[in-house]
C-alpha atoms as a PDB file:
ATOM      1  CA  MET A   1       0.000   0.000   0.000  1.00  0.00           C
ATOM      2  CA  THR A   2       1.248   3.452  -0.961  1.00  0.00           C
ATOM      3  CA  ILE A   3      -0.090   6.820   0.148  1.00  0.00           C
ATOM      4  CA  TYR A   4      -0.045   9.290  -2.734  1.00  0.00           C
ATOM      5  CA  LEU A   5      -0.281  13.049  -2.344  1.00  0.00           C
ATOM      6  CA  ASP A   6      -1.574  15.323  -5.052  1.00  0.00           C
ATOM      7  CA  MET A   7       0.401  18.561  -5.295  1.00  0.00           C
ATOM      8  CA  ASP A   8      -1.814  21.460  -6.415  1.00  0.00           C
ATOM      9  CA  GLY A   9      -4.233  22.365  -3.627  1.00  0.00           C
ATOM     10  CA  VAL A  10      -2.741  19.800  -1.227  1.00  0.00           C
ATOM     11  CA  ILE A  11       0.903  20.843  -0.748  1.00  0.00           C
ATOM     12  CA  ALA A  12       1.372  23.567  -3.408  1.00  0.00           C
ATOM     13  CA  ASP A  13      -0.760  26.716  -3.480  1.00  0.00           C
ATOM     14  CA  PHE A  14      -1.774  26.573  -7.150  1.00  0.00           C
ATOM     15  CA  PHE A  15      -4.694  28.988  -6.856  1.00  0.00           C
ATOM     16  CA  GLY A  16      -2.680  31.467  -4.785  1.00  0.00           C
ATOM     17  CA  GLY A  17      -0.084  31.378  -7.577  1.00  0.00           C
ATOM     18  CA  ILE A  18      -2.767  32.062 -10.189  1.00  0.00           C
ATOM     19  CA  GLN A  19      -4.119  34.974  -8.151  1.00  0.00           C
ATOM     20  CA  LYS A  20      -0.623  36.445  -7.773  1.00  0.00           C
ATOM     21  CA  LEU A  21       0.225  35.993 -11.464  1.00  0.00           C
ATOM     22  CA  HIS A  22      -2.985  37.683 -12.613  1.00  0.00           C
ATOM     23  CA  GLY A  23      -3.214  40.272  -9.821  1.00  0.00           C
ATOM     24  CA  VAL A  24      -6.708  39.229  -8.726  1.00  0.00           C
ATOM     25  CA  GLY A  25      -8.266  38.660  -5.305  1.00  0.00           C
ATOM     26  CA  HIS A  26      -9.709  35.281  -6.263  1.00  0.00           C
ATOM     27  CA  TRP A  27      -8.850  33.016  -9.172  1.00  0.00           C
ATOM     28  CA  LYS A  28     -12.542  32.527 -10.013  1.00  0.00           C
ATOM     29  CA  SER A  29     -12.715  36.180 -11.051  1.00  0.00           C
ATOM     30  CA  ILE A  30     -10.736  35.211 -14.165  1.00  0.00           C
ATOM     31  CA  LYS A  31     -13.597  34.542 -16.568  1.00  0.00           C
ATOM     32  CA  ASP A  32     -11.705  32.968 -19.452  1.00  0.00           C
ATOM     33  CA  LYS A  33     -10.236  29.727 -18.089  1.00  0.00           C
ATOM     34  CA  GLN A  34      -8.425  28.998 -21.376  1.00  0.00           C
ATOM     35  CA  THR A  35      -6.554  32.303 -21.044  1.00  0.00           C
ATOM     36  CA  LEU A  36      -5.643  31.250 -17.516  1.00  0.00           C
ATOM     37  CA  ILE A  37      -4.250  27.896 -18.738  1.00  0.00           C
ATOM     38  CA  ASN A  38      -2.433  29.533 -21.653  1.00  0.00           C
ATOM     39  CA  SER A  39      -0.770  32.026 -19.291  1.00  0.00           C
ATOM     40  CA  ILE A  40       1.071  29.242 -17.439  1.00  0.00           C
ATOM     41  CA  ARG A  41       1.652  26.777 -20.281  1.00  0.00           C
ATOM     42  CA  TYR A  42       5.344  26.340 -21.246  1.00  0.00           C
ATOM     43  CA  THR A  43       6.540  28.351 -18.238  1.00  0.00           C
ATOM     44  CA  ASP A  44       8.139  27.547 -14.890  1.00  0.00           C
ATOM     45  CA  PHE A  45       4.901  28.500 -13.100  1.00  0.00           C
ATOM     46  CA  PHE A  46       4.768  25.307 -10.998  1.00  0.00           C
ATOM     47  CA  ASN A  47       8.247  25.980  -9.620  1.00  0.00           C
ATOM     48  CA  THR A  48       7.145  29.434  -8.437  1.00  0.00           C
ATOM     49  CA  LEU A  49       4.280  28.220  -6.233  1.00  0.00           C
ATOM     50  CA  GLU A  50       4.376  28.643  -2.492  1.00  0.00           C
ATOM     51  CA  PRO A  51       3.923  25.592  -0.308  1.00  0.00           C
ATOM     52  CA  PHE A  52       1.083  25.754   2.188  1.00  0.00           C
ATOM     53  CA  LYS A  53       2.136  26.307   5.804  1.00  0.00           C
ATOM     54  CA  SER A  54       0.832  22.797   6.510  1.00  0.00           C
ATOM     55  CA  SER A  55       2.726  21.079   3.664  1.00  0.00           C
ATOM     56  CA  TRP A  56       5.752  20.008   5.675  1.00  0.00           C
ATOM     57  CA  ILE A  57       3.525  18.581   8.432  1.00  0.00           C
ATOM     58  CA  VAL A  58       1.362  16.692   5.913  1.00  0.00           C
ATOM     59  CA  ILE A  59       4.364  15.179   4.133  1.00  0.00           C
ATOM     60  CA  GLU A  60       6.080  14.150   7.364  1.00  0.00           C
ATOM     61  CA  LYS A  61       2.869  12.564   8.667  1.00  0.00           C
ATOM     62  CA  VAL A  62       2.376  10.642   5.399  1.00  0.00           C
ATOM     63  CA  LYS A  63       6.007   9.450   5.447  1.00  0.00           C
ATOM     64  CA  THR A  64       5.612   8.255   9.037  1.00  0.00           C
ATOM     65  CA  ILE A  65       2.274   6.451   8.848  1.00  0.00           C
ATOM     66  CA  SER A  66       3.119   4.859   5.495  1.00  0.00           C
ATOM     67  CA  LYS A  67       6.475   3.672   6.876  1.00  0.00           C
ATOM     68  CA  GLY A  68       8.151   5.456   3.977  1.00  0.00           C
ATOM     69  CA  ASN A  69       5.888   4.022   1.290  1.00  0.00           C
ATOM     70  CA  TRP A  70       4.550   7.286  -0.081  1.00  0.00           C
ATOM     71  CA  GLY A  71       4.604   9.203  -3.311  1.00  0.00           C
ATOM     72  CA  ILE A  72       3.297  12.027  -5.439  1.00  0.00           C
ATOM     73  CA  CYS A  73       0.477  11.501  -7.925  1.00  0.00           C
ATOM     74  CA  SER A  74      -0.187  14.823  -9.617  1.00  0.00           C
ATOM     75  CA  SER A  75      -1.845  15.834 -12.867  1.00  0.00           C
ATOM     76  CA  PRO A  76       0.270  17.667 -15.427  1.00  0.00           C
ATOM     77  CA  LEU A  77      -1.126  20.780 -17.065  1.00  0.00           C
ATOM     78  CA  GLU A  78      -3.316  19.973 -20.048  1.00  0.00           C
ATOM     79  CA  GLY A  79      -1.327  20.403 -23.262  1.00  0.00           C
ATOM     80  CA  ASP A  80       1.916  20.926 -21.321  1.00  0.00           C
ATOM     81  CA  HIS A  81       2.637  17.487 -19.856  1.00  0.00           C
ATOM     82  CA  ASN A  82       6.443  17.296 -20.043  1.00  0.00           C
ATOM     83  CA  ASN A  83       7.134  20.906 -19.124  1.00  0.00           C
ATOM     84  CA  SER A  84       4.722  21.072 -16.182  1.00  0.00           C
ATOM     85  CA  ALA A  85       5.894  17.671 -14.857  1.00  0.00           C
ATOM     86  CA  TYR A  86       9.506  18.886 -15.065  1.00  0.00           C
ATOM     87  CA  TRP A  87       8.776  22.032 -13.051  1.00  0.00           C
ATOM     88  CA  LYS A  88       6.712  20.112 -10.508  1.00  0.00           C
ATOM     89  CA  ARG A  89       9.679  17.768  -9.951  1.00  0.00           C
ATOM     90  CA  ARG A  90      11.992  20.762  -9.592  1.00  0.00           C
ATOM     91  CA  TRP A  91       9.583  22.254  -7.016  1.00  0.00           C
ATOM     92  CA  LEU A  92       9.637  18.996  -5.022  1.00  0.00           C
ATOM     93  CA  GLU A  93      13.451  18.945  -5.151  1.00  0.00           C
ATOM     94  CA  LYS A  94      13.675  22.597  -4.121  1.00  0.00           C
ATOM     95  CA  HIS A  95      11.585  21.914  -1.016  1.00  0.00           C
ATOM     96  CA  ARG A  96      13.358  18.580  -0.361  1.00  0.00           C
ATOM     97  CA  TRP A  97      10.106  16.636  -0.742  1.00  0.00           C
ATOM     98  CA  MET A  98      11.029  14.444  -3.683  1.00  0.00           C
ATOM     99  CA  PRO A  99       9.896  10.849  -3.119  1.00  0.00           C
ATOM    100  CA  ASP A 100      11.620   7.867  -4.707  1.00  0.00           C
ATOM    101  CA  VAL A 101      11.569   8.394  -8.468  1.00  0.00           C
ATOM    102  CA  ASP A 102       9.281   5.392  -9.058  1.00  0.00           C
ATOM    103  CA  GLN A 103       6.750   6.957  -6.671  1.00  0.00           C
ATOM    104  CA  CYS A 104       6.715  10.352  -8.416  1.00  0.00           C
ATOM    105  CA  ILE A 105       3.862  10.066 -10.904  1.00  0.00           C
ATOM    106  CA  PHE A 106       2.530  12.749 -13.233  1.00  0.00           C
ATOM    107  CA  THR A 107      -0.600  11.606 -15.017  1.00  0.00           C
ATOM    108  CA  SER A 108      -4.186  12.630 -15.723  1.00  0.00           C
ATOM    109  CA  ASN A 109      -5.122   8.976 -15.186  1.00  0.00           C
ATOM    110  CA  LYS A 110      -4.410   8.767 -11.467  1.00  0.00           C
ATOM    111  CA  HIS A 111      -6.945   5.982 -11.032  1.00  0.00           C
ATOM    112  CA  LYS A 112      -4.539   3.551 -12.724  1.00  0.00           C
ATOM    113  CA  TYR A 113      -2.489   3.627  -9.500  1.00  0.00           C
ATOM    114  CA  ALA A 114      -5.423   2.986  -7.132  1.00  0.00           C
ATOM    115  CA  TRP A 115      -4.533  -0.633  -6.418  1.00  0.00           C
ATOM    116  CA  SER A 116      -1.229  -2.315  -5.605  1.00  0.00           C
ATOM    117  CA  PRO A 117      -0.883  -5.606  -7.457  1.00  0.00           C
ATOM    118  CA  LEU A 118       2.182  -6.416  -5.322  1.00  0.00           C
ATOM    119  CA  THR A 119       0.519  -6.143  -1.907  1.00  0.00           C
ATOM    120  CA  GLY A 120      -3.109  -6.783  -2.817  1.00  0.00           C
ATOM    121  CA  GLN A 121      -4.039  -3.585  -1.027  1.00  0.00           C
ATOM    122  CA  PRO A 122      -5.744  -0.454  -2.244  1.00  0.00           C
ATOM    123  CA  ASN A 123      -3.501   2.594  -2.396  1.00  0.00           C
ATOM    124  CA  ILE A 124      -4.545   5.871  -0.786  1.00  0.00           C
ATOM    125  CA  LEU A 125      -4.810   9.180  -2.649  1.00  0.00           C
ATOM    126  CA  ILE A 126      -5.056  12.556  -0.908  1.00  0.00           C
ATOM    127  CA  ASP A 127      -6.384  15.017  -3.496  1.00  0.00           C
ATOM    128  CA  ASP A 128      -8.387  18.249  -3.562  1.00  0.00           C
ATOM    129  CA  LYS A 129     -10.508  17.392  -6.616  1.00  0.00           C
ATOM    130  CA  PRO A 130     -13.672  15.383  -5.962  1.00  0.00           C
ATOM    131  CA  GLU A 131     -13.627  13.917  -9.497  1.00  0.00           C
ATOM    132  CA  ASN A 132     -10.114  12.503  -8.933  1.00  0.00           C
ATOM    133  CA  ILE A 133     -11.268  10.923  -5.662  1.00  0.00           C
ATOM    134  CA  MET A 134     -14.359   9.477  -7.362  1.00  0.00           C
ATOM    135  CA  ARG A 135     -12.340   7.867 -10.186  1.00  0.00           C
ATOM    136  CA  TRP A 136      -9.755   6.589  -7.673  1.00  0.00           C
ATOM    137  CA  THR A 137     -12.347   4.897  -5.462  1.00  0.00           C
ATOM    138  CA  GLN A 138     -14.184   3.462  -8.484  1.00  0.00           C
ATOM    139  CA  ALA A 139     -10.872   1.840  -9.458  1.00  0.00           C
ATOM    140  CA  GLY A 140     -10.612   0.214  -6.017  1.00  0.00           C
ATOM    141  CA  GLY A 141      -8.433   2.721  -4.180  1.00  0.00           C
ATOM    142  CA  ILE A 142      -9.119   4.715  -1.027  1.00  0.00           C
ATOM    143  CA  GLY A 143      -9.517   8.446  -1.557  1.00  0.00           C
ATOM    144  CA  ILE A 144      -9.372  11.368   0.852  1.00  0.00           C
ATOM    145  CA  ARG A 145     -10.582  14.721  -0.425  1.00  0.00           C
ATOM    146  CA  TYR A 146      -8.400  17.364   1.243  1.00  0.00           C
ATOM    147  CA  GLN A 147      -7.838  21.004   0.381  1.00  0.00           C
ATOM    148  CA  ALA A 148      -5.052  22.610   2.403  1.00  0.00           C
ATOM    149  CA  ASN A 149      -6.565  26.094   2.528  1.00  0.00           C
ATOM    150  CA  GLU A 150      -9.945  24.787   3.769  1.00  0.00           C
ATOM    151  CA  ASP A 151      -9.578  21.568   5.773  1.00  0.00           C
ATOM    152  CA  ASP A 152      -8.166  21.028   9.255  1.00  0.00           C
ATOM    153  CA  LEU A 153      -5.131  18.783   9.641  1.00  0.00           C
ATOM    154  CA  LYS A 154      -5.711  17.149  13.012  1.00  0.00           C
ATOM    155  CA  GLU A 155      -9.491  17.098  13.165  1.00  0.00           C
ATOM    156  CA  TYR A 156     -10.014  16.042   9.561  1.00  0.00           C
ATOM    157  CA  LEU A 157      -7.022  14.898   7.486  1.00  0.00           C
ATOM    158  CA  PHE A 158      -5.166  12.877  10.126  1.00  0.00           C
ATOM    159  CA  VAL A 159      -8.404  11.195  11.233  1.00  0.00           C
ATOM    160  CA  GLU A 160      -9.245  10.314   7.611  1.00  0.00           C
ATOM    161  CA  MET A 161      -5.734   8.984   7.049  1.00  0.00           C
ATOM    162  CA  GLU A 162      -6.068   6.594  10.009  1.00  0.00           C
ATOM    163  CA  LYS A 163      -9.468   5.409   8.746  1.00  0.00           C
ATOM    164  CA  ALA A 164      -7.987   4.850   5.281  1.00  0.00           C
ATOM    165  CA  LEU A 165      -5.090   2.829   6.715  1.00  0.00           C
ATOM    166  CA  ASP A 166      -7.512   0.647   8.687  1.00  0.00           C
ATOM    167  CA  GLN A 167      -9.623   0.116   5.574  1.00  0.00           C
ATOM    168  CA  SER A 168      -6.530  -0.782   3.540  1.00  0.00           C
ATOM    169  CA  ARG A 169      -5.379  -3.318   6.161  1.00  0.00           C
ATOM    170  CA  LYS A 170      -8.839  -4.919   6.307  1.00  0.00           C
ATOM    171  CA  THR A 171      -8.942  -5.171   2.520  1.00  0.00           C
ATOM    172  CA  LYS A 172      -5.582  -6.952   2.493  1.00  0.00           C
ATOM    173  CA  GLN A 173      -6.742  -9.414   5.166  1.00  0.00           C
ATOM    174  CA  GLN A 174      -9.859 -10.208   3.107  1.00  0.00           C
ATOM    175  CA  HIS A 175      -7.718 -11.032   0.072  1.00  0.00           C
ATOM    176  CA  CYS A 176      -5.235 -13.257   1.968  1.00  0.00           C
END
C-alpha cells in the first residue's frame, strides 16, 4: 500500500499562484479559463508556487504512517505534460520533498495507481478534486478529499488517514 499526495491544492498553493500571477483577489474572477491555462503553459509556473504552511507537516505525517511508502500523484497541465511535470519535480526537489523516483507520478489517469498488485491492497490518494477521488475509489483505491486552505489537519485529514489505513489493512486481510 502506498499513500499518494496530489500537489496542487494539497501541498502547493496553485490557486494562490494564479491569483498572484494575474493580480486578482480570487482566481474565479478570471472569466476565461483557457486564457488562464495559456498564461502558465510552457513556463516555470509550478516551480514558483508557495507551499502551504501545513505542507511540511502533511508530508512528514504521510512518510511516518506509510512507513516510507509514499509518493506524489499529480496531474500535469493539459497540453503541457512534459514541461509542467519537469517544473513540478523541480519544485519537489527545491523543497526537499522528492519521493523515490518510481513513486513520483505525473498523469491525468491517477486511477490507474489505485490498487497495488504487489501487496493486494488499495492505495490511498489525498487530493483536492472530488472527481479525482471518485475515479480513484471506483478503481478500487481509497480516496481522501483534502484542500489545504480549507480543511483542518488534526481534526479532519489525520483522522481520515487513520481510517484509510484501517480500511486498507482490512482489505488486504480479506484477500489473503
